[in-house]
N, C-alpha and C. Protein backbone atom coordinates (compact mmCIF):
# COMPACT_ATOMS: atom_id res chain seq x y z
N MET A 1 22.66 2.86 21.63
CA MET A 1 21.22 2.99 21.74
C MET A 1 20.87 4.45 21.99
N LEU A 2 19.88 4.94 21.26
CA LEU A 2 19.38 6.30 21.41
C LEU A 2 18.39 6.33 22.57
N THR A 3 18.58 7.25 23.51
CA THR A 3 17.71 7.34 24.69
C THR A 3 16.69 8.46 24.49
N VAL A 4 15.43 8.14 24.73
CA VAL A 4 14.33 9.10 24.61
C VAL A 4 13.73 9.33 25.97
N ASN A 5 13.56 10.61 26.35
CA ASN A 5 12.96 10.90 27.64
C ASN A 5 11.97 12.06 27.60
N LYS A 6 11.57 12.47 26.38
CA LYS A 6 10.62 13.58 26.26
C LYS A 6 9.63 13.28 25.15
N LEU A 7 8.39 13.71 25.36
CA LEU A 7 7.31 13.52 24.40
C LEU A 7 6.67 14.88 24.10
N ILE A 8 6.48 15.17 22.83
CA ILE A 8 5.76 16.37 22.42
C ILE A 8 4.47 15.90 21.76
N PRO A 9 3.31 16.07 22.46
CA PRO A 9 2.05 15.60 21.89
C PRO A 9 1.78 16.20 20.52
N GLN A 10 1.60 15.33 19.53
CA GLN A 10 1.29 15.70 18.15
C GLN A 10 2.31 16.68 17.54
N GLY A 11 3.48 16.80 18.16
CA GLY A 11 4.53 17.68 17.65
C GLY A 11 4.17 19.15 17.75
N HIS A 12 3.20 19.50 18.63
CA HIS A 12 2.77 20.89 18.77
C HIS A 12 3.94 21.81 19.08
N GLY A 13 4.00 22.90 18.36
CA GLY A 13 5.04 23.90 18.57
C GLY A 13 6.29 23.67 17.75
N LEU A 14 6.39 22.54 17.08
CA LEU A 14 7.58 22.27 16.25
C LEU A 14 7.35 22.77 14.84
N ALA A 15 8.37 23.31 14.24
CA ALA A 15 8.29 23.79 12.87
C ALA A 15 8.03 22.62 11.92
N PRO A 16 7.16 22.81 10.93
CA PRO A 16 6.87 21.73 9.98
C PRO A 16 8.13 21.14 9.33
N VAL A 17 9.14 21.97 9.07
CA VAL A 17 10.36 21.47 8.45
C VAL A 17 11.07 20.47 9.37
N LEU A 18 11.01 20.69 10.69
CA LEU A 18 11.62 19.75 11.63
C LEU A 18 10.85 18.43 11.64
N LEU A 19 9.52 18.51 11.60
CA LEU A 19 8.72 17.29 11.57
C LEU A 19 8.96 16.50 10.29
N LYS A 20 9.15 17.21 9.19
CA LYS A 20 9.38 16.55 7.91
C LYS A 20 10.71 15.79 7.92
N ARG A 21 11.70 16.32 8.61
CA ARG A 21 13.03 15.70 8.66
C ARG A 21 13.13 14.58 9.69
N ALA A 22 12.18 14.54 10.61
CA ALA A 22 12.25 13.55 11.70
C ALA A 22 12.12 12.13 11.15
N THR A 23 12.88 11.23 11.70
CA THR A 23 12.70 9.82 11.36
C THR A 23 11.44 9.32 12.05
N THR A 24 10.94 8.19 11.63
CA THR A 24 9.73 7.66 12.23
C THR A 24 10.04 6.41 13.04
N VAL A 25 9.11 6.12 13.95
CA VAL A 25 9.17 4.88 14.70
C VAL A 25 7.74 4.35 14.75
N ALA A 26 7.54 3.15 14.21
CA ALA A 26 6.22 2.52 14.17
C ALA A 26 6.03 1.67 15.42
N LEU A 27 4.94 1.96 16.14
CA LEU A 27 4.67 1.27 17.40
C LEU A 27 3.21 0.83 17.47
N ASP A 28 2.98 -0.38 17.95
CA ASP A 28 1.60 -0.82 18.15
C ASP A 28 1.09 -0.29 19.49
N TRP A 29 -0.20 -0.50 19.75
CA TRP A 29 -0.81 0.04 20.96
C TRP A 29 -0.19 -0.54 22.22
N ASP A 30 0.18 -1.80 22.20
CA ASP A 30 0.78 -2.42 23.38
C ASP A 30 2.01 -1.65 23.83
N LYS A 31 2.86 -1.26 22.89
CA LYS A 31 4.06 -0.48 23.25
C LYS A 31 3.70 0.95 23.63
N ARG A 32 2.79 1.57 22.87
CA ARG A 32 2.50 2.99 23.06
C ARG A 32 1.81 3.30 24.38
N GLN A 33 1.23 2.30 25.03
CA GLN A 33 0.60 2.57 26.32
C GLN A 33 1.56 2.36 27.49
N ARG A 34 2.80 2.07 27.19
CA ARG A 34 3.84 1.92 28.23
C ARG A 34 4.68 3.19 28.30
N SER A 35 5.26 3.42 29.44
CA SER A 35 6.13 4.59 29.57
C SER A 35 7.60 4.23 29.40
N ARG A 36 7.91 2.93 29.42
CA ARG A 36 9.29 2.47 29.20
C ARG A 36 9.27 1.28 28.26
N PHE A 37 10.02 1.41 27.16
CA PHE A 37 10.09 0.32 26.19
C PHE A 37 11.26 0.51 25.25
N ASP A 38 11.65 -0.56 24.58
CA ASP A 38 12.68 -0.53 23.55
C ASP A 38 12.00 -0.67 22.20
N ALA A 39 12.59 -0.06 21.17
CA ALA A 39 12.05 -0.15 19.81
C ALA A 39 13.17 0.13 18.83
N GLN A 40 12.84 0.12 17.54
CA GLN A 40 13.77 0.49 16.49
C GLN A 40 13.11 1.54 15.62
N ASP A 41 13.88 2.56 15.24
CA ASP A 41 13.30 3.55 14.34
C ASP A 41 13.33 3.03 12.90
N ALA A 42 12.83 3.83 11.96
CA ALA A 42 12.71 3.41 10.56
C ALA A 42 14.06 3.13 9.92
N GLN A 43 15.15 3.66 10.50
CA GLN A 43 16.48 3.44 9.95
C GLN A 43 17.22 2.31 10.67
N GLY A 44 16.50 1.61 11.55
CA GLY A 44 17.09 0.45 12.22
C GLY A 44 17.86 0.76 13.48
N GLU A 45 17.86 2.02 13.92
CA GLU A 45 18.59 2.37 15.14
C GLU A 45 17.76 1.99 16.37
N ALA A 46 18.42 1.37 17.35
CA ALA A 46 17.76 0.98 18.59
C ALA A 46 17.48 2.22 19.43
N ILE A 47 16.28 2.26 20.01
CA ILE A 47 15.94 3.37 20.91
C ILE A 47 15.39 2.80 22.21
N GLY A 48 15.70 3.47 23.29
CA GLY A 48 15.17 3.13 24.60
C GLY A 48 14.33 4.31 25.06
N VAL A 49 13.06 4.08 25.33
CA VAL A 49 12.14 5.15 25.72
C VAL A 49 11.92 5.08 27.22
N PHE A 50 12.14 6.21 27.89
CA PHE A 50 11.99 6.33 29.33
C PHE A 50 11.18 7.60 29.61
N LEU A 51 9.87 7.48 29.60
CA LEU A 51 8.97 8.61 29.82
C LEU A 51 8.43 8.56 31.25
N PRO A 52 7.88 9.67 31.74
CA PRO A 52 7.29 9.63 33.08
C PRO A 52 6.20 8.56 33.18
N ARG A 53 6.11 7.93 34.33
CA ARG A 53 5.11 6.87 34.54
C ARG A 53 3.72 7.40 34.17
N GLY A 54 2.93 6.53 33.53
CA GLY A 54 1.58 6.90 33.12
C GLY A 54 1.51 7.56 31.75
N SER A 55 2.65 7.81 31.12
CA SER A 55 2.65 8.42 29.80
C SER A 55 2.07 7.45 28.78
N VAL A 56 1.33 7.99 27.83
CA VAL A 56 0.79 7.22 26.71
C VAL A 56 1.24 7.92 25.44
N VAL A 57 1.77 7.16 24.52
CA VAL A 57 2.25 7.70 23.25
C VAL A 57 1.19 7.46 22.19
N ARG A 58 0.83 8.49 21.45
CA ARG A 58 -0.19 8.42 20.41
C ARG A 58 0.46 8.55 19.04
N GLY A 59 -0.18 7.99 18.02
CA GLY A 59 0.28 8.21 16.65
C GLY A 59 0.30 9.71 16.37
N GLY A 60 1.39 10.20 15.80
CA GLY A 60 1.55 11.63 15.53
C GLY A 60 2.33 12.36 16.59
N ASP A 61 2.52 11.74 17.75
CA ASP A 61 3.35 12.35 18.79
C ASP A 61 4.81 12.35 18.33
N VAL A 62 5.61 13.20 18.95
CA VAL A 62 7.03 13.27 18.62
C VAL A 62 7.83 12.97 19.88
N LEU A 63 8.75 12.02 19.76
CA LEU A 63 9.66 11.68 20.84
C LEU A 63 10.95 12.46 20.63
N VAL A 64 11.53 12.95 21.71
CA VAL A 64 12.77 13.71 21.63
C VAL A 64 13.86 12.91 22.33
N ALA A 65 14.92 12.62 21.58
CA ALA A 65 16.04 11.85 22.12
C ALA A 65 16.97 12.76 22.90
N ALA A 66 17.81 12.16 23.73
CA ALA A 66 18.75 12.91 24.55
C ALA A 66 19.70 13.76 23.71
N ASP A 67 19.99 13.32 22.47
CA ASP A 67 20.87 14.10 21.60
C ASP A 67 20.12 15.18 20.81
N GLY A 68 18.80 15.33 21.07
CA GLY A 68 18.00 16.35 20.40
C GLY A 68 17.31 15.89 19.13
N SER A 69 17.60 14.68 18.69
CA SER A 69 16.94 14.20 17.47
C SER A 69 15.46 13.91 17.75
N LEU A 70 14.66 14.01 16.68
CA LEU A 70 13.22 13.83 16.78
C LEU A 70 12.78 12.54 16.11
N LEU A 71 11.82 11.87 16.72
CA LEU A 71 11.24 10.64 16.17
C LEU A 71 9.72 10.80 16.14
N LYS A 72 9.15 10.80 14.95
CA LYS A 72 7.70 10.92 14.82
C LYS A 72 7.09 9.52 14.94
N VAL A 73 6.10 9.40 15.83
CA VAL A 73 5.47 8.11 16.11
C VAL A 73 4.37 7.83 15.09
N VAL A 74 4.42 6.62 14.56
CA VAL A 74 3.38 6.13 13.65
C VAL A 74 2.69 4.97 14.36
N ALA A 75 1.37 5.03 14.43
CA ALA A 75 0.61 3.92 15.01
C ALA A 75 0.60 2.80 13.99
N SER A 76 1.32 1.72 14.30
CA SER A 76 1.44 0.63 13.32
C SER A 76 0.18 -0.23 13.29
N PRO A 77 -0.13 -0.79 12.11
CA PRO A 77 -1.28 -1.69 12.02
C PRO A 77 -1.08 -2.91 12.91
N GLN A 78 -2.17 -3.36 13.50
CA GLN A 78 -2.16 -4.51 14.37
C GLN A 78 -3.52 -5.20 14.26
N PRO A 79 -3.64 -6.42 14.76
CA PRO A 79 -4.95 -7.07 14.71
C PRO A 79 -5.97 -6.30 15.56
N VAL A 80 -7.12 -5.99 14.97
CA VAL A 80 -8.22 -5.34 15.69
C VAL A 80 -9.54 -5.98 15.27
N MET A 81 -10.51 -5.88 16.14
CA MET A 81 -11.88 -6.23 15.78
C MET A 81 -12.57 -4.95 15.36
N VAL A 82 -13.21 -4.98 14.21
CA VAL A 82 -13.94 -3.82 13.70
C VAL A 82 -15.42 -4.15 13.79
N VAL A 83 -16.17 -3.26 14.42
CA VAL A 83 -17.59 -3.46 14.66
C VAL A 83 -18.37 -2.42 13.87
N ARG A 84 -19.31 -2.90 13.05
CA ARG A 84 -20.13 -2.01 12.23
C ARG A 84 -21.60 -2.40 12.39
N PRO A 85 -22.51 -1.45 12.14
CA PRO A 85 -23.93 -1.82 12.17
C PRO A 85 -24.26 -2.71 10.99
N CYS A 86 -25.26 -3.55 11.14
CA CYS A 86 -25.70 -4.44 10.07
C CYS A 86 -26.22 -3.58 8.92
N PRO A 87 -25.71 -3.79 7.69
CA PRO A 87 -26.15 -2.95 6.56
C PRO A 87 -27.61 -3.18 6.19
N ASP A 88 -28.19 -4.33 6.55
CA ASP A 88 -29.56 -4.63 6.16
C ASP A 88 -30.61 -4.06 7.11
N HIS A 89 -30.36 -4.17 8.42
CA HIS A 89 -31.39 -3.72 9.36
C HIS A 89 -30.82 -2.99 10.58
N GLY A 90 -29.58 -2.57 10.49
CA GLY A 90 -28.96 -1.87 11.61
C GLY A 90 -29.02 -0.37 11.47
N SER A 91 -28.53 0.32 12.48
CA SER A 91 -28.46 1.78 12.45
C SER A 91 -27.24 2.22 13.25
N PRO A 92 -26.82 3.47 13.07
CA PRO A 92 -25.68 3.96 13.86
C PRO A 92 -25.93 3.88 15.37
N PHE A 93 -27.19 3.91 15.79
CA PHE A 93 -27.52 3.78 17.20
C PHE A 93 -27.00 2.46 17.78
N ASP A 94 -26.96 1.43 16.94
CA ASP A 94 -26.46 0.13 17.39
C ASP A 94 -25.01 0.24 17.87
N LEU A 95 -24.22 1.10 17.22
CA LEU A 95 -22.84 1.31 17.66
C LEU A 95 -22.80 2.01 19.02
N LEU A 96 -23.72 2.93 19.23
CA LEU A 96 -23.80 3.62 20.52
C LEU A 96 -24.11 2.62 21.63
N ARG A 97 -25.06 1.72 21.38
CA ARG A 97 -25.39 0.68 22.36
C ARG A 97 -24.18 -0.21 22.63
N ALA A 98 -23.49 -0.59 21.57
CA ALA A 98 -22.31 -1.45 21.73
C ALA A 98 -21.23 -0.73 22.54
N ALA A 99 -21.00 0.55 22.25
CA ALA A 99 -19.99 1.32 22.99
C ALA A 99 -20.36 1.39 24.47
N TYR A 100 -21.63 1.54 24.76
CA TYR A 100 -22.09 1.56 26.15
C TYR A 100 -21.74 0.24 26.86
N HIS A 101 -22.10 -0.87 26.22
CA HIS A 101 -21.85 -2.18 26.85
C HIS A 101 -20.34 -2.47 26.97
N LEU A 102 -19.57 -2.09 25.97
CA LEU A 102 -18.12 -2.29 26.05
C LEU A 102 -17.50 -1.40 27.11
N GLY A 103 -18.00 -0.18 27.23
CA GLY A 103 -17.52 0.74 28.27
C GLY A 103 -17.79 0.20 29.66
N ASN A 104 -18.94 -0.44 29.85
CA ASN A 104 -19.24 -1.05 31.15
C ASN A 104 -18.26 -2.15 31.50
N ARG A 105 -17.61 -2.71 30.49
CA ARG A 105 -16.60 -3.75 30.71
C ARG A 105 -15.18 -3.18 30.70
N HIS A 106 -15.09 -1.86 30.66
CA HIS A 106 -13.80 -1.15 30.66
C HIS A 106 -12.89 -1.59 29.52
N VAL A 107 -13.48 -1.81 28.35
CA VAL A 107 -12.74 -2.22 27.17
C VAL A 107 -12.16 -0.97 26.50
N GLN A 108 -10.87 -1.03 26.15
CA GLN A 108 -10.28 0.07 25.39
C GLN A 108 -10.89 0.06 24.01
N LEU A 109 -11.36 1.24 23.57
CA LEU A 109 -12.20 1.30 22.40
C LEU A 109 -11.87 2.53 21.56
N GLU A 110 -11.71 2.31 20.27
CA GLU A 110 -11.54 3.43 19.33
C GLU A 110 -12.89 3.70 18.69
N LEU A 111 -13.32 4.95 18.77
CA LEU A 111 -14.61 5.35 18.24
C LEU A 111 -14.43 6.06 16.90
N GLN A 112 -15.16 5.62 15.91
CA GLN A 112 -15.20 6.26 14.60
C GLN A 112 -16.67 6.47 14.25
N PRO A 113 -16.99 7.41 13.36
CA PRO A 113 -18.39 7.66 13.03
C PRO A 113 -19.15 6.44 12.52
N ASN A 114 -18.47 5.55 11.83
CA ASN A 114 -19.15 4.42 11.21
C ASN A 114 -18.71 3.05 11.74
N ARG A 115 -17.88 3.05 12.80
CA ARG A 115 -17.39 1.77 13.32
C ARG A 115 -16.74 1.97 14.69
N LEU A 116 -16.57 0.86 15.38
CA LEU A 116 -15.80 0.81 16.62
C LEU A 116 -14.64 -0.13 16.36
N GLN A 117 -13.51 0.10 17.03
CA GLN A 117 -12.37 -0.82 16.95
C GLN A 117 -11.92 -1.16 18.36
N LEU A 118 -11.59 -2.43 18.54
CA LEU A 118 -11.07 -2.88 19.83
C LEU A 118 -10.13 -4.04 19.59
N GLU A 119 -9.38 -4.38 20.61
CA GLU A 119 -8.47 -5.51 20.48
C GLU A 119 -9.28 -6.80 20.41
N PRO A 120 -8.78 -7.79 19.64
CA PRO A 120 -9.54 -9.04 19.46
C PRO A 120 -9.86 -9.74 20.78
N ASP A 121 -11.11 -10.20 20.88
CA ASP A 121 -11.57 -10.95 22.05
C ASP A 121 -12.79 -11.74 21.59
N HIS A 122 -12.68 -13.07 21.57
CA HIS A 122 -13.77 -13.88 21.01
C HIS A 122 -15.06 -13.80 21.82
N VAL A 123 -14.96 -13.60 23.13
CA VAL A 123 -16.16 -13.48 23.97
C VAL A 123 -16.91 -12.19 23.62
N LEU A 124 -16.17 -11.10 23.49
CA LEU A 124 -16.80 -9.83 23.12
C LEU A 124 -17.35 -9.89 21.70
N ALA A 125 -16.64 -10.57 20.80
CA ALA A 125 -17.12 -10.71 19.42
C ALA A 125 -18.47 -11.42 19.41
N ASP A 126 -18.61 -12.49 20.20
CA ASP A 126 -19.88 -13.21 20.28
C ASP A 126 -20.99 -12.30 20.82
N MET A 127 -20.70 -11.55 21.88
CA MET A 127 -21.69 -10.63 22.46
C MET A 127 -22.16 -9.62 21.41
N LEU A 128 -21.21 -9.05 20.66
CA LEU A 128 -21.54 -8.03 19.66
C LEU A 128 -22.35 -8.62 18.51
N ARG A 129 -22.02 -9.82 18.11
CA ARG A 129 -22.79 -10.48 17.05
C ARG A 129 -24.22 -10.77 17.53
N GLN A 130 -24.39 -11.10 18.79
CA GLN A 130 -25.73 -11.32 19.34
C GLN A 130 -26.53 -10.02 19.36
N MET A 131 -25.84 -8.89 19.34
CA MET A 131 -26.50 -7.58 19.27
C MET A 131 -26.77 -7.20 17.80
N HIS A 132 -26.59 -8.15 16.88
CA HIS A 132 -26.83 -7.96 15.44
C HIS A 132 -25.87 -6.95 14.81
N LEU A 133 -24.64 -6.94 15.30
CA LEU A 133 -23.59 -6.10 14.71
C LEU A 133 -22.68 -6.99 13.86
N VAL A 134 -22.04 -6.37 12.90
CA VAL A 134 -21.10 -7.08 12.04
C VAL A 134 -19.71 -6.92 12.65
N VAL A 135 -19.05 -8.03 12.94
CA VAL A 135 -17.73 -8.02 13.57
C VAL A 135 -16.74 -8.70 12.63
N THR A 136 -15.68 -7.97 12.27
CA THR A 136 -14.64 -8.54 11.43
C THR A 136 -13.29 -8.34 12.11
N GLU A 137 -12.35 -9.18 11.74
CA GLU A 137 -10.98 -8.98 12.24
C GLU A 137 -10.15 -8.42 11.10
N GLU A 138 -9.43 -7.35 11.39
CA GLU A 138 -8.62 -6.66 10.39
C GLU A 138 -7.29 -6.27 11.01
N ARG A 139 -6.43 -5.72 10.18
CA ARG A 139 -5.18 -5.11 10.66
C ARG A 139 -5.30 -3.62 10.39
N ALA A 140 -5.18 -2.84 11.46
CA ALA A 140 -5.31 -1.38 11.33
C ALA A 140 -4.62 -0.73 12.52
N PRO A 141 -4.24 0.54 12.39
CA PRO A 141 -3.74 1.26 13.56
C PRO A 141 -4.83 1.32 14.62
N PHE A 142 -4.45 1.28 15.90
CA PHE A 142 -5.42 1.30 16.99
C PHE A 142 -5.13 2.48 17.90
N GLU A 143 -6.08 3.40 18.01
CA GLU A 143 -5.97 4.59 18.86
C GLU A 143 -7.20 4.67 19.75
N PRO A 144 -7.24 3.93 20.85
CA PRO A 144 -8.42 3.98 21.72
C PRO A 144 -8.59 5.35 22.38
N GLU A 145 -9.82 5.62 22.78
CA GLU A 145 -10.13 6.87 23.46
C GLU A 145 -9.25 7.01 24.71
N ALA A 146 -8.88 8.24 25.01
CA ALA A 146 -8.01 8.49 26.15
C ALA A 146 -8.78 8.51 27.46
N GLY A 147 -10.07 8.73 27.43
CA GLY A 147 -10.87 8.80 28.64
C GLY A 147 -11.20 10.25 28.98
N ALA A 148 -12.25 10.42 29.73
CA ALA A 148 -12.77 11.76 30.03
C ALA A 148 -11.80 12.61 30.84
N TYR A 149 -10.94 11.98 31.63
CA TYR A 149 -10.05 12.75 32.50
C TYR A 149 -8.63 12.84 31.97
N ALA A 150 -8.40 12.37 30.75
CA ALA A 150 -7.07 12.43 30.16
C ALA A 150 -6.75 13.85 29.73
N ALA A 151 -5.50 14.10 29.44
CA ALA A 151 -5.07 15.44 29.02
C ALA A 151 -5.81 15.86 27.76
N ALA A 152 -6.11 17.14 27.65
CA ALA A 152 -6.87 17.68 26.52
C ALA A 152 -6.16 17.44 25.20
N ALA A 153 -4.85 17.31 25.21
CA ALA A 153 -4.11 17.13 23.97
C ALA A 153 -4.35 15.75 23.36
N ALA A 154 -4.80 14.82 24.16
CA ALA A 154 -4.99 13.46 23.66
C ALA A 154 -6.15 13.39 22.69
N HIS A 155 -5.95 12.70 21.62
CA HIS A 155 -6.97 12.37 20.63
C HIS A 155 -7.63 13.60 20.01
N GLY A 156 -6.84 14.61 19.71
CA GLY A 156 -7.31 15.71 18.90
C GLY A 156 -8.31 16.66 19.54
N HIS A 157 -8.27 16.87 20.84
CA HIS A 157 -9.17 17.82 21.46
C HIS A 157 -8.91 19.18 20.86
N HIS A 158 -9.94 19.96 20.72
CA HIS A 158 -9.81 21.22 19.99
C HIS A 158 -9.30 22.38 20.82
N GLY A 159 -8.85 22.16 22.04
CA GLY A 159 -8.03 23.11 22.76
C GLY A 159 -8.70 24.34 23.31
N HIS A 160 -9.87 24.23 23.91
CA HIS A 160 -10.43 25.36 24.63
C HIS A 160 -11.26 24.85 25.79
N GLU A 161 -11.44 25.72 26.76
CA GLU A 161 -12.23 25.36 27.93
C GLU A 161 -13.70 25.45 27.58
N HIS A 162 -14.51 24.57 28.16
CA HIS A 162 -15.93 24.60 27.87
C HIS A 162 -16.70 25.47 28.85
N GLY A 163 -16.06 26.01 29.87
CA GLY A 163 -16.77 26.80 30.85
C GLY A 163 -16.77 28.28 30.56
N SER A 164 -15.92 28.77 29.67
CA SER A 164 -15.84 30.21 29.43
C SER A 164 -16.91 30.64 28.44
N PRO A 165 -17.38 31.90 28.55
CA PRO A 165 -18.42 32.39 27.66
C PRO A 165 -18.03 32.32 26.19
N ALA A 166 -16.77 32.54 25.88
CA ALA A 166 -16.34 32.54 24.48
C ALA A 166 -15.82 31.17 24.05
N ALA A 167 -16.05 30.18 24.86
CA ALA A 167 -15.47 28.86 24.59
C ALA A 167 -15.85 28.30 23.24
N HIS A 168 -17.04 28.58 22.79
CA HIS A 168 -17.49 28.03 21.52
C HIS A 168 -17.59 29.09 20.44
N ASP A 169 -16.74 30.09 20.52
CA ASP A 169 -16.73 31.14 19.52
C ASP A 169 -16.41 30.59 18.14
N HIS A 170 -15.43 29.69 18.02
CA HIS A 170 -15.05 29.03 16.77
C HIS A 170 -14.85 30.00 15.62
N GLY A 171 -14.47 31.22 15.92
CA GLY A 171 -14.18 32.17 14.85
C GLY A 171 -15.42 32.85 14.29
N HIS A 172 -16.59 32.68 14.89
CA HIS A 172 -17.79 33.36 14.40
C HIS A 172 -17.66 34.85 14.65
N ALA A 173 -18.34 35.61 13.83
CA ALA A 173 -18.28 37.06 13.96
C ALA A 173 -18.78 37.49 15.33
N LYS A 174 -18.15 38.50 15.87
CA LYS A 174 -18.58 39.08 17.13
C LYS A 174 -19.72 40.05 16.86
N ASP A 175 -20.62 40.19 17.82
CA ASP A 175 -21.76 41.09 17.70
C ASP A 175 -21.42 42.37 18.43
N HIS A 176 -20.96 43.38 17.69
CA HIS A 176 -20.61 44.68 18.25
C HIS A 176 -19.67 44.55 19.44
N GLY A 177 -18.63 43.76 19.31
CA GLY A 177 -17.62 43.65 20.35
C GLY A 177 -17.95 42.67 21.46
N ARG A 178 -19.16 42.11 21.45
CA ARG A 178 -19.52 41.14 22.49
C ARG A 178 -19.17 39.74 22.02
N ALA A 179 -18.82 38.86 22.95
CA ALA A 179 -18.49 37.48 22.61
C ALA A 179 -19.73 36.75 22.13
N HIS A 180 -19.54 35.85 21.21
CA HIS A 180 -20.63 35.00 20.72
C HIS A 180 -21.03 34.03 21.81
N VAL A 181 -22.31 33.93 22.11
CA VAL A 181 -22.79 33.03 23.14
C VAL A 181 -23.84 32.12 22.54
N HIS A 182 -23.76 30.83 22.85
CA HIS A 182 -24.74 29.86 22.36
C HIS A 182 -25.99 29.92 23.21
N GLY A 183 -27.12 29.68 22.61
CA GLY A 183 -28.38 29.63 23.31
C GLY A 183 -29.51 29.97 22.37
N PRO A 184 -30.70 30.23 22.92
CA PRO A 184 -31.83 30.59 22.05
C PRO A 184 -31.48 31.80 21.21
N GLY A 185 -31.87 31.77 19.97
CA GLY A 185 -31.60 32.89 19.07
C GLY A 185 -30.18 32.89 18.51
N CYS A 186 -29.45 31.83 18.73
CA CYS A 186 -28.07 31.73 18.27
C CYS A 186 -27.99 31.80 16.74
N LYS A 187 -29.02 31.32 16.06
CA LYS A 187 -29.16 31.37 14.61
C LYS A 187 -28.17 30.51 13.83
N HIS A 188 -27.60 29.49 14.46
CA HIS A 188 -26.85 28.49 13.71
C HIS A 188 -26.84 27.19 14.50
N ASP A 189 -26.59 26.15 13.77
CA ASP A 189 -26.66 24.81 14.35
C ASP A 189 -25.27 24.32 14.71
N HIS A 190 -25.12 23.73 15.89
CA HIS A 190 -23.85 23.10 16.29
C HIS A 190 -24.11 21.67 16.54
């Protein structure tokens, strides 16, 4: 059995050639939210994962085995409820309302611009349908939000502090050596 005890979020810092050569391991959300689990990689080799308590594995993360081999994590399709606004009389705001109500129930939720995804639950499905949302059951990868206090690397955070003056520079031209600052007269939309 291959033993894994290290996680590299999204493979940051690894050369693309190493990521290309890495074998994959497909894991559903139930496994990926655990810090200790057994699985099989794409070549059928058994792996035992022993990460620090509280670790969460995301699709695209890279696991490092004790022998130095790399395993790229794939979020495997699983049963999910997909919630969309009604095409006849709904609006994207309906999804915002639904996310609010689901958040009040501490439901793990994946947010997309045109839909929400959550684990199947018939009681929640009924509630959402009463809100005039379209609820379907599908098989898809599930990557719920990490939460406001989770590590910045989770779920594609763009990697800068929001408190610094240049935090939202985003590569815009500097004005005579001064950092770009957002506010009145900024002359572009964010």
